[in-house]
Amino acid sequence: MEGALLGAKAFGIATGIVFGCAGLGMWIVGKAVGAQDPEDFAVKMRQQLVTTMPKLVGSVNRPGRTVDGFGFDGEGVEEWVEGLEREDERAT
């Protein structure tokens, strides 16, 4: 029983350290880019992504792409599933 408690304590301490470091890292990056709140941080990161990686943004945000309320591209998912079904039919 003592080993289990020691393991739980170690897990709790490690979890606290990870969350603390992640939170501190996010806070430092947020302050470095001048963000006032999480929404402002998201806007600044999107702007940074557009200026530093335009090809990536262009390949992700294709014209005519439809996205539902959850951020899923319904047509893209359907095309992907149809492609998988065609591959499966060819394999059998």
PDB file of N, CA and C in Angstrom:
ATOM      1  N   MET A   1       0.826  -1.201   0.000  1.00  0.00           N
ATOM      2  CA  MET A   1       0.000   0.000   0.000  1.00  0.00           C
ATOM      3  C   MET A   1       0.866   1.259   0.000  1.00  0.00           C
ATOM      4  N   GLU A   2       2.011   1.166   0.689  1.00  0.00           N
ATOM      5  CA  GLU A   2       2.890   2.323   0.781  1.00  0.00           C
ATOM      6  C   GLU A   2       3.459   2.698  -0.584  1.00  0.00           C
ATOM      7  N   GLY A   3       3.763   1.685  -1.407  1.00  0.00           N
ATOM      8  CA  GLY A   3       4.289   1.944  -2.747  1.00  0.00           C
ATOM      9  C   GLY A   3       3.270   2.643  -3.629  1.00  0.00           C
ATOM     10  N   ALA A   4       1.998   2.256  -3.490  1.00  0.00           N
ATOM     11  CA  ALA A   4       0.947   2.882  -4.288  1.00  0.00           C
ATOM     12  C   ALA A   4       0.788   4.354  -3.915  1.00  0.00           C
ATOM     13  N   LEU A   5       0.857   4.654  -2.633  1.00  0.00           N
ATOM     14  CA  LEU A   5       0.744   6.047  -2.198  1.00  0.00           C
ATOM     15  C   LEU A   5       1.941   6.870  -2.666  1.00  0.00           C
ATOM     16  N   LEU A   6       3.106   6.265  -2.617  1.00  0.00           N
ATOM     17  CA  LEU A   6       4.304   6.951  -3.087  1.00  0.00           C
ATOM     18  C   LEU A   6       4.209   7.226  -4.591  1.00  0.00           C
ATOM     19  N   GLY A   7       3.683   6.251  -5.349  1.00  0.00           N
ATOM     20  CA  GLY A   7       3.496   6.438  -6.786  1.00  0.00           C
ATOM     21  C   GLY A   7       2.486   7.527  -7.084  1.00  0.00           C
ATOM     22  N   ALA A   8       1.379   7.544  -6.332  1.00  0.00           N
ATOM     23  CA  ALA A   8       0.359   8.572  -6.525  1.00  0.00           C
ATOM     24  C   ALA A   8       0.923   9.951  -6.202  1.00  0.00           C
ATOM     25  N   LYS A   9       1.719  10.026  -5.146  1.00  0.00           N
ATOM     26  CA  LYS A   9       2.337  11.302  -4.776  1.00  0.00           C
ATOM     27  C   LYS A   9       3.280  11.775  -5.883  1.00  0.00           C
ATOM     28  N   ALA A  10       4.096  10.872  -6.410  1.00  0.00           N
ATOM     29  CA  ALA A  10       5.025  11.226  -7.486  1.00  0.00           C
ATOM     30  C   ALA A  10       4.266  11.678  -8.733  1.00  0.00           C
ATOM     31  N   PHE A  11       3.183  10.970  -9.042  1.00  0.00           N
ATOM     32  CA  PHE A  11       2.369  11.338 -10.199  1.00  0.00           C
ATOM     33  C   PHE A  11       1.759  12.723 -10.008  1.00  0.00           C
ATOM     34  N   GLY A  12       1.265  13.003  -8.814  1.00  0.00           N
ATOM     35  CA  GLY A  12       0.685  14.314  -8.522  1.00  0.00           C
ATOM     36  C   GLY A  12       1.713  15.428  -8.628  1.00  0.00           C
ATOM     37  N   ILE A  13       2.900  15.183  -8.096  1.00  0.00           N
ATOM     38  CA  ILE A  13       3.958  16.194  -8.173  1.00  0.00           C
ATOM     39  C   ILE A  13       4.361  16.435  -9.625  1.00  0.00           C
ATOM     40  N   ALA A  14       4.538  15.357 -10.392  1.00  0.00           N
ATOM     41  CA  ALA A  14       4.925  15.496 -11.801  1.00  0.00           C
ATOM     42  C   ALA A  14       3.849  16.237 -12.593  1.00  0.00           C
ATOM     43  N   THR A  15       2.593  15.926 -12.316  1.00  0.00           N
ATOM     44  CA  THR A  15       1.494  16.605 -13.006  1.00  0.00           C
ATOM     45  C   THR A  15       1.505  18.093 -12.685  1.00  0.00           C
ATOM     46  N   GLY A  16       1.711  18.423 -11.423  1.00  0.00           N
ATOM     47  CA  GLY A  16       1.783  19.829 -11.026  1.00  0.00           C
ATOM     48  C   GLY A  16       2.922  20.561 -11.710  1.00  0.00           C
ATOM     49  N   ILE A  17       4.070  19.911 -11.811  1.00  0.00           N
ATOM     50  CA  ILE A  17       5.224  20.530 -12.472  1.00  0.00           C
ATOM     51  C   ILE A  17       4.935  20.758 -13.955  1.00  0.00           C
ATOM     52  N   VAL A  18       4.334  19.763 -14.612  1.00  0.00           N
ATOM     53  CA  VAL A  18       4.032  19.892 -16.044  1.00  0.00           C
ATOM     54  C   VAL A  18       3.035  21.018 -16.285  1.00  0.00           C
ATOM     55  N   PHE A  19       1.941  21.048 -15.504  1.00  0.00           N
ATOM     56  CA  PHE A  19       0.947  22.105 -15.683  1.00  0.00           C
ATOM     57  C   PHE A  19       1.542  23.473 -15.372  1.00  0.00           C
ATOM     58  N   GLY A  20       2.365  23.545 -14.336  1.00  0.00           N
ATOM     59  CA  GLY A  20       2.996  24.813 -13.985  1.00  0.00           C
ATOM     60  C   GLY A  20       3.917  25.316 -15.079  1.00  0.00           C
ATOM     61  N   CYS A  21       4.745  24.435 -15.619  1.00  0.00           N
ATOM     62  CA  CYS A  21       5.669  24.828 -16.694  1.00  0.00           C
ATOM     63  C   CYS A  21       4.911  25.213 -17.962  1.00  0.00           C
ATOM     64  N   ALA A  22       3.864  24.463 -18.291  1.00  0.00           N
ATOM     65  CA  ALA A  22       3.076  24.784 -19.484  1.00  0.00           C
ATOM     66  C   ALA A  22       2.385  26.135 -19.315  1.00  0.00           C
ATOM     67  N   GLY A  23       1.798  26.360 -18.154  1.00  0.00           N
ATOM     68  CA  GLY A  23       1.135  27.635 -17.895  1.00  0.00           C
ATOM     69  C   GLY A  23       2.108  28.798 -17.927  1.00  0.00           C
ATOM     70  N   LEU A  24       3.265  28.618 -17.307  1.00  0.00           N
ATOM     71  CA  LEU A  24       4.282  29.666 -17.309  1.00  0.00           C
ATOM     72  C   LEU A  24       4.775  29.934 -18.730  1.00  0.00           C
ATOM     73  N   GLY A  25       4.968  28.874 -19.502  1.00  0.00           N
ATOM     74  CA  GLY A  25       5.404  29.043 -20.886  1.00  0.00           C
ATOM     75  C   GLY A  25       4.385  29.803 -21.716  1.00  0.00           C
ATOM     76  N   MET A  26       3.108  29.467 -21.552  1.00  0.00           N
ATOM     77  CA  MET A  26       2.060  30.172 -22.293  1.00  0.00           C
ATOM     78  C   MET A  26       2.000  31.638 -21.874  1.00  0.00           C
ATOM     79  N   TRP A  27       2.154  31.898 -20.581  1.00  0.00           N
ATOM     80  CA  TRP A  27       2.113  33.274 -20.088  1.00  0.00           C
ATOM     81  C   TRP A  27       3.278  34.077 -20.664  1.00  0.00           C
ATOM     82  N   ILE A  28       4.480  33.481 -20.676  1.00  0.00           N
ATOM     83  CA  ILE A  28       5.666  34.168 -21.196  1.00  0.00           C
ATOM     84  C   ILE A  28       5.499  34.481 -22.683  1.00  0.00           C
ATOM     85  N   VAL A  29       5.043  33.499 -23.459  1.00  0.00           N
ATOM     86  CA  VAL A  29       4.846  33.729 -24.897  1.00  0.00           C
ATOM     87  C   VAL A  29       3.760  34.772 -25.120  1.00  0.00           C
ATOM     88  N   GLY A  30       2.686  34.708 -24.339  1.00  0.00           N
ATOM     89  CA  GLY A  30       1.617  35.699 -24.459  1.00  0.00           C
ATOM     90  C   GLY A  30       2.118  37.110 -24.205  1.00  0.00           C
ATOM     91  N   LYS A  31       2.920  37.271 -23.171  1.00  0.00           N
ATOM     92  CA  LYS A  31       3.474  38.596 -22.866  1.00  0.00           C
ATOM     93  C   LYS A  31       4.477  39.028 -23.931  1.00  0.00           C
ATOM     94  N   ALA A  32       5.231  38.082 -24.466  1.00  0.00           N
ATOM     95  CA  ALA A  32       6.232  38.409 -25.485  1.00  0.00           C
ATOM     96  C   ALA A  32       5.584  38.941 -26.761  1.00  0.00           C
ATOM     97  N   VAL A  33       4.407  38.420 -27.114  1.00  0.00           N
ATOM     98  CA  VAL A  33       3.728  38.894 -28.325  1.00  0.00           C
ATOM     99  C   VAL A  33       2.780  40.044 -28.035  1.00  0.00           C
ATOM    100  N   GLY A  34       2.648  40.412 -26.769  1.00  0.00           N
ATOM    101  CA  GLY A  34       1.819  41.557 -26.405  1.00  0.00           C
ATOM    102  C   GLY A  34       0.339  41.257 -26.326  1.00  0.00           C
ATOM    103  N   ALA A  35      -0.028  40.020 -26.079  1.00  0.00           N
ATOM    104  CA  ALA A  35      -1.442  39.648 -25.991  1.00  0.00           C
ATOM    105  C   ALA A  35      -2.020  40.072 -24.641  1.00  0.00           C
ATOM    106  N   GLN A  36      -3.251  40.559 -24.672  1.00  0.00           N
ATOM    107  CA  GLN A  36      -3.922  40.986 -23.448  1.00  0.00           C
ATOM    108  C   GLN A  36      -4.768  39.873 -22.834  1.00  0.00           C
ATOM    109  N   ASP A  37      -5.292  38.983 -23.680  1.00  0.00           N
ATOM    110  CA  ASP A  37      -6.130  37.881 -23.216  1.00  0.00           C
ATOM    111  C   ASP A  37      -5.998  36.728 -24.213  1.00  0.00           C
ATOM    112  N   PRO A  38      -6.596  35.565 -23.913  1.00  0.00           N
ATOM    113  CA  PRO A  38      -6.456  34.424 -24.836  1.00  0.00           C
ATOM    114  C   PRO A  38      -6.973  34.694 -26.253  1.00  0.00           C
ATOM    115  N   GLU A  39      -8.053  35.449 -26.384  1.00  0.00           N
ATOM    116  CA  GLU A  39      -8.572  35.749 -27.721  1.00  0.00           C
ATOM    117  C   GLU A  39      -7.579  36.607 -28.506  1.00  0.00           C
ATOM    118  N   ASP A  40      -6.988  37.590 -27.846  1.00  0.00           N
ATOM    119  CA  ASP A  40      -5.983  38.434 -28.481  1.00  0.00           C
ATOM    120  C   ASP A  40      -4.764  37.601 -28.871  1.00  0.00           C
ATOM    121  N   PHE A  41      -4.389  36.656 -28.012  1.00  0.00           N
ATOM    122  CA  PHE A  41      -3.270  35.757 -28.303  1.00  0.00           C
ATOM    123  C   PHE A  41      -3.559  34.944 -29.562  1.00  0.00           C
ATOM    124  N   ALA A  42      -4.785  34.416 -29.680  1.00  0.00           N
ATOM    125  CA  ALA A  42      -5.160  33.621 -30.853  1.00  0.00           C
ATOM    126  C   ALA A  42      -5.081  34.461 -32.124  1.00  0.00           C
ATOM    127  N   VAL A  43      -5.545  35.700 -32.056  1.00  0.00           N
ATOM    128  CA  VAL A  43      -5.496  36.585 -33.226  1.00  0.00           C
ATOM    129  C   VAL A  43      -4.051  36.852 -33.632  1.00  0.00           C
ATOM    130  N   LYS A  44      -3.210  37.144 -32.655  1.00  0.00           N
ATOM    131  CA  LYS A  44      -1.803  37.438 -32.957  1.00  0.00           C
ATOM    132  C   LYS A  44      -1.080  36.211 -33.524  1.00  0.00           C
ATOM    133  N   MET A  45      -1.395  35.032 -33.018  1.00  0.00           N
ATOM    134  CA  MET A  45      -0.753  33.818 -33.527  1.00  0.00           C
ATOM    135  C   MET A  45      -1.203  33.526 -34.955  1.00  0.00           C
ATOM    136  N   ARG A  46      -2.483  33.762 -35.253  1.00  0.00           N
ATOM    137  CA  ARG A  46      -2.960  33.564 -36.627  1.00  0.00           C
ATOM    138  C   ARG A  46      -2.270  34.534 -37.581  1.00  0.00           C
ATOM    139  N   GLN A  47      -2.131  35.792 -37.154  1.00  0.00           N
ATOM    140  CA  GLN A  47      -1.441  36.775 -37.986  1.00  0.00           C
ATOM    141  C   GLN A  47       0.011  36.363 -38.218  1.00  0.00           C
ATOM    142  N   GLN A  48       0.655  35.887 -37.180  1.00  0.00           N
ATOM    143  CA  GLN A  48       2.051  35.449 -37.295  1.00  0.00           C
ATOM    144  C   GLN A  48       2.170  34.267 -38.258  1.00  0.00           C
ATOM    145  N   LEU A  49       1.218  33.348 -38.170  1.00  0.00           N
ATOM    146  CA  LEU A  49       1.233  32.178 -39.045  1.00  0.00           C
ATOM    147  C   LEU A  49       1.058  32.582 -40.505  1.00  0.00           C
ATOM    148  N   VAL A  50       0.168  33.537 -40.755  1.00  0.00           N
ATOM    149  CA  VAL A  50      -0.068  33.992 -42.126  1.00  0.00           C
ATOM    150  C   VAL A  50       1.185  34.641 -42.702  1.00  0.00           C
ATOM    151  N   THR A  51       1.905  35.411 -41.895  1.00  0.00           N
ATOM    152  CA  THR A  51       3.085  36.105 -42.421  1.00  0.00           C
ATOM    153  C   THR A  51       4.293  35.185 -42.553  1.00  0.00           C
ATOM    154  N   THR A  52       4.428  34.194 -41.668  1.00  0.00           N
ATOM    155  CA  THR A  52       5.625  33.347 -41.710  1.00  0.00           C
ATOM    156  C   THR A  52       5.447  32.077 -42.533  1.00  0.00           C
ATOM    157  N   MET A  53       4.226  31.572 -42.656  1.00  0.00           N
ATOM    158  CA  MET A  53       3.991  30.322 -43.384  1.00  0.00           C
ATOM    159  C   MET A  53       2.782  30.443 -44.310  1.00  0.00           C
ATOM    160  N   PRO A  54       2.854  31.293 -45.331  1.00  0.00           N
ATOM    161  CA  PRO A  54       1.687  31.489 -46.197  1.00  0.00           C
ATOM    162  C   PRO A  54       1.289  30.241 -46.977  1.00  0.00           C
ATOM    163  N   LYS A  55       2.252  29.389 -47.355  1.00  0.00           N
ATOM    164  CA  LYS A  55       1.903  28.172 -48.097  1.00  0.00           C
ATOM    165  C   LYS A  55       1.079  27.226 -47.232  1.00  0.00           C
ATOM    166  N   LEU A  56       1.448  27.108 -45.970  1.00  0.00           N
ATOM    167  CA  LEU A  56       0.693  26.250 -45.058  1.00  0.00           C
ATOM    168  C   LEU A  56      -0.729  26.757 -44.899  1.00  0.00           C
ATOM    169  N   VAL A  57      -0.867  28.051 -44.681  1.00  0.00           N
ATOM    170  CA  VAL A  57      -2.196  28.637 -44.507  1.00  0.00           C
ATOM    171  C   VAL A  57      -3.020  28.461 -45.774  1.00  0.00           C
ATOM    172  N   GLY A  58      -2.392  28.635 -46.931  1.00  0.00           N
ATOM    173  CA  GLY A  58      -3.103  28.466 -48.192  1.00  0.00           C
ATOM    174  C   GLY A  58      -3.563  27.042 -48.425  1.00  0.00           C
ATOM    175  N   SER A  59      -2.762  26.073 -47.996  1.00  0.00           N
ATOM    176  CA  SER A  59      -3.158  24.681 -48.201  1.00  0.00           C
ATOM    177  C   SER A  59      -4.252  24.260 -47.228  1.00  0.00           C
ATOM    178  N   VAL A  60      -4.308  24.887 -46.074  1.00  0.00           N
ATOM    179  CA  VAL A  60      -5.339  24.548 -45.092  1.00  0.00           C
ATOM    180  C   VAL A  60      -6.633  25.279 -45.400  1.00  0.00           C
ATOM    181  N   ASN A  61      -6.543  26.549 -45.724  1.00  0.00           N
ATOM    182  CA  ASN A  61      -7.725  27.375 -45.981  1.00  0.00           C
ATOM    183  C   ASN A  61      -7.939  27.543 -47.475  1.00  0.00           C
ATOM    184  N   ARG A  62      -8.348  26.473 -48.124  1.00  0.00           N
ATOM    185  CA  ARG A  62      -8.597  26.524 -49.562  1.00  0.00           C
ATOM    186  C   ARG A  62      -9.909  27.257 -49.836  1.00  0.00           C
ATOM    187  N   PRO A  63      -9.973  27.991 -50.953  1.00  0.00           N
ATOM    188  CA  PRO A  63     -11.227  28.665 -51.307  1.00  0.00           C
ATOM    189  C   PRO A  63     -12.344  27.651 -51.524  1.00  0.00           C
ATOM    190  N   GLY A  64     -13.533  27.985 -51.089  1.00  0.00           N
ATOM    191  CA  GLY A  64     -14.684  27.118 -51.267  1.00  0.00           C
ATOM    192  C   GLY A  64     -14.816  26.042 -50.217  1.00  0.00           C
ATOM    193  N   ARG A  65     -13.932  26.022 -49.264  1.00  0.00           N
ATOM    194  CA  ARG A  65     -13.979  25.007 -48.205  1.00  0.00           C
ATOM    195  C   ARG A  65     -15.096  25.364 -47.239  1.00  0.00           C
ATOM    196  N   THR A  66     -15.956  24.406 -46.957  1.00  0.00           N
ATOM    197  CA  THR A  66     -17.050  24.642 -46.021  1.00  0.00           C
ATOM    198  C   THR A  66     -16.716  23.997 -44.687  1.00  0.00           C
ATOM    199  N   VAL A  67     -16.971  24.717 -43.628  1.00  0.00           N
ATOM    200  CA  VAL A  67     -16.663  24.230 -42.290  1.00  0.00           C
ATOM    201  C   VAL A  67     -17.907  24.369 -41.433  1.00  0.00           C
ATOM    202  N   ASP A  68     -18.211  23.305 -40.665  1.00  0.00           N
ATOM    203  CA  ASP A  68     -19.374  23.381 -39.790  1.00  0.00           C
ATOM    204  C   ASP A  68     -19.005  24.090 -38.485  1.00  0.00           C
ATOM    205  N   GLY A  69     -19.941  24.118 -37.532  1.00  0.00           N
ATOM    206  CA  GLY A  69     -19.736  24.805 -36.269  1.00  0.00           C
ATOM    207  C   GLY A  69     -18.615  24.243 -35.429  1.00  0.00           C
ATOM    208  N   PHE A  70     -18.209  23.005 -35.703  1.00  0.00           N
ATOM    209  CA  PHE A  70     -17.143  22.375 -34.929  1.00  0.00           C
ATOM    210  C   PHE A  70     -15.792  22.455 -35.639  1.00  0.00           C
ATOM    211  N   GLY A  71     -15.746  23.100 -36.804  1.00  0.00           N
ATOM    212  CA  GLY A  71     -14.492  23.243 -37.528  1.00  0.00           C
ATOM    213  C   GLY A  71     -14.178  22.101 -38.474  1.00  0.00           C
ATOM    214  N   PHE A  72     -15.168  21.232 -38.740  1.00  0.00           N
ATOM    215  CA  PHE A  72     -14.940  20.105 -39.639  1.00  0.00           C
ATOM    216  C   PHE A  72     -15.366  20.465 -41.049  1.00  0.00           C
ATOM    217  N   ASP A  73     -14.584  20.026 -42.008  1.00  0.00           N
ATOM    218  CA  ASP A  73     -14.887  20.206 -43.419  1.00  0.00           C
ATOM    219  C   ASP A  73     -15.694  18.991 -43.868  1.00  0.00           C
ATOM    220  N   GLY A  74     -17.021  19.126 -43.914  1.00  0.00           N
ATOM    221  CA  GLY A  74     -17.897  18.002 -44.229  1.00  0.00           C
ATOM    222  C   GLY A  74     -17.603  17.382 -45.578  1.00  0.00           C
ATOM    223  N   GLU A  75     -17.433  18.221 -46.605  1.00  0.00           N
ATOM    224  CA  GLU A  75     -17.157  17.708 -47.943  1.00  0.00           C
ATOM    225  C   GLU A  75     -15.805  17.009 -47.986  1.00  0.00           C
ATOM    226  N   GLY A  76     -14.826  17.580 -47.313  1.00  0.00           N
ATOM    227  CA  GLY A  76     -13.497  16.974 -47.281  1.00  0.00           C
ATOM    228  C   GLY A  76     -13.499  15.621 -46.602  1.00  0.00           C
ATOM    229  N   VAL A  77     -14.264  15.495 -45.531  1.00  0.00           N
ATOM    230  CA  VAL A  77     -14.353  14.219 -44.818  1.00  0.00           C
ATOM    231  C   VAL A  77     -15.035  13.182 -45.703  1.00  0.00           C
ATOM    232  N   GLU A  78     -16.105  13.591 -46.393  1.00  0.00           N
ATOM    233  CA  GLU A  78     -16.803  12.659 -47.282  1.00  0.00           C
ATOM    234  C   GLU A  78     -15.886  12.182 -48.412  1.00  0.00           C
ATOM    235  N   GLU A  79     -15.115  13.100 -48.999  1.00  0.00           N
ATOM    236  CA  GLU A  79     -14.177  12.710 -50.057  1.00  0.00           C
ATOM    237  C   GLU A  79     -13.128  11.743 -49.526  1.00  0.00           C
ATOM    238  N   TRP A  80     -12.651  11.988 -48.317  1.00  0.00           N
ATOM    239  CA  TRP A  80     -11.644  11.124 -47.706  1.00  0.00           C
ATOM    240  C   TRP A  80     -12.206   9.723 -47.481  1.00  0.00           C
ATOM    241  N   VAL A  81     -13.441   9.638 -46.962  1.00  0.00           N
ATOM    242  CA  VAL A  81     -14.070   8.340 -46.707  1.00  0.00           C
ATOM    243  C   VAL A  81     -14.298   7.604 -48.020  1.00  0.00           C
ATOM    244  N   GLU A  82     -14.774   8.311 -49.045  1.00  0.00           N
ATOM    245  CA  GLU A  82     -14.986   7.675 -50.345  1.00  0.00           C
ATOM    246  C   GLU A  82     -13.672   7.141 -50.911  1.00  0.00           C
ATOM    247  N   GLY A  83     -12.600   7.894 -50.753  1.00  0.00           N
ATOM    248  CA  GLY A  83     -11.290   7.431 -51.214  1.00  0.00           C
ATOM    249  C   GLY A  83     -10.847   6.175 -50.489  1.00  0.00           C
ATOM    250  N   LEU A  84     -11.077   6.133 -49.180  1.00  0.00           N
ATOM    251  CA  LEU A  84     -10.734   4.937 -48.406  1.00  0.00           C
ATOM    252  C   LEU A  84     -11.561   3.736 -48.847  1.00  0.00           C
ATOM    253  N   GLU A  85     -12.850   3.968 -49.127  1.00  0.00           N
ATOM    254  CA  GLU A  85     -13.711   2.874 -49.579  1.00  0.00           C
ATOM    255  C   GLU A  85     -13.249   2.352 -50.938  1.00  0.00           C
ATOM    256  N   ARG A  86     -12.838   3.258 -51.840  1.00  0.00           N
ATOM    257  CA  ARG A  86     -12.339   2.825 -53.156  1.00  0.00           C
ATOM    258  C   ARG A  86     -11.069   1.994 -53.001  1.00  0.00           C
ATOM    259  N   GLU A  87     -10.169   2.432 -52.120  1.00  0.00           N
ATOM    260  CA  GLU A  87      -8.939   1.669 -51.876  1.00  0.00           C
ATOM    261  C   GLU A  87      -9.258   0.295 -51.302  1.00  0.00           C
ATOM    262  N   ASP A  88     -10.241   0.242 -50.422  1.00  0.00           N
ATOM    263  CA  ASP A  88     -10.625  -1.025 -49.804  1.00  0.00           C
ATOM    264  C   ASP A  88     -11.211  -1.971 -50.843  1.00  0.00           C
ATOM    265  N   GLU A  89     -12.025  -1.430 -51.773  1.00  0.00           N
ATOM    266  CA  GLU A  89     -12.616  -2.261 -52.821  1.00  0.00           C
ATOM    267  C   GLU A  89     -11.535  -2.808 -53.752  1.00  0.00           C
ATOM    268  N   ARG A  90     -10.526  -1.990 -54.064  1.00  0.00           N
ATOM    269  CA  ARG A  90      -9.441  -2.445 -54.929  1.00  0.00           C
ATOM    270  C   ARG A  90      -8.603  -3.522 -54.259  1.00  0.00           C
ATOM    271  N   ALA A  91      -8.471  -3.446 -52.951  1.00  0.00           N
ATOM    272  CA  ALA A  91      -7.642  -4.409 -52.220  1.00  0.00           C
ATOM    273  C   ALA A  91      -8.315  -5.775 -52.118  1.00  0.00           C
ATOM    274  N   THR A  92      -9.638  -5.819 -52.213  1.00  0.00           N
ATOM    275  CA  THR A  92     -10.338  -7.112 -52.082  1.00  0.00           C
ATOM    276  C   THR A  92     -10.613  -7.757 -53.406  1.00  0.00           C
TER     277      THR A  92
END
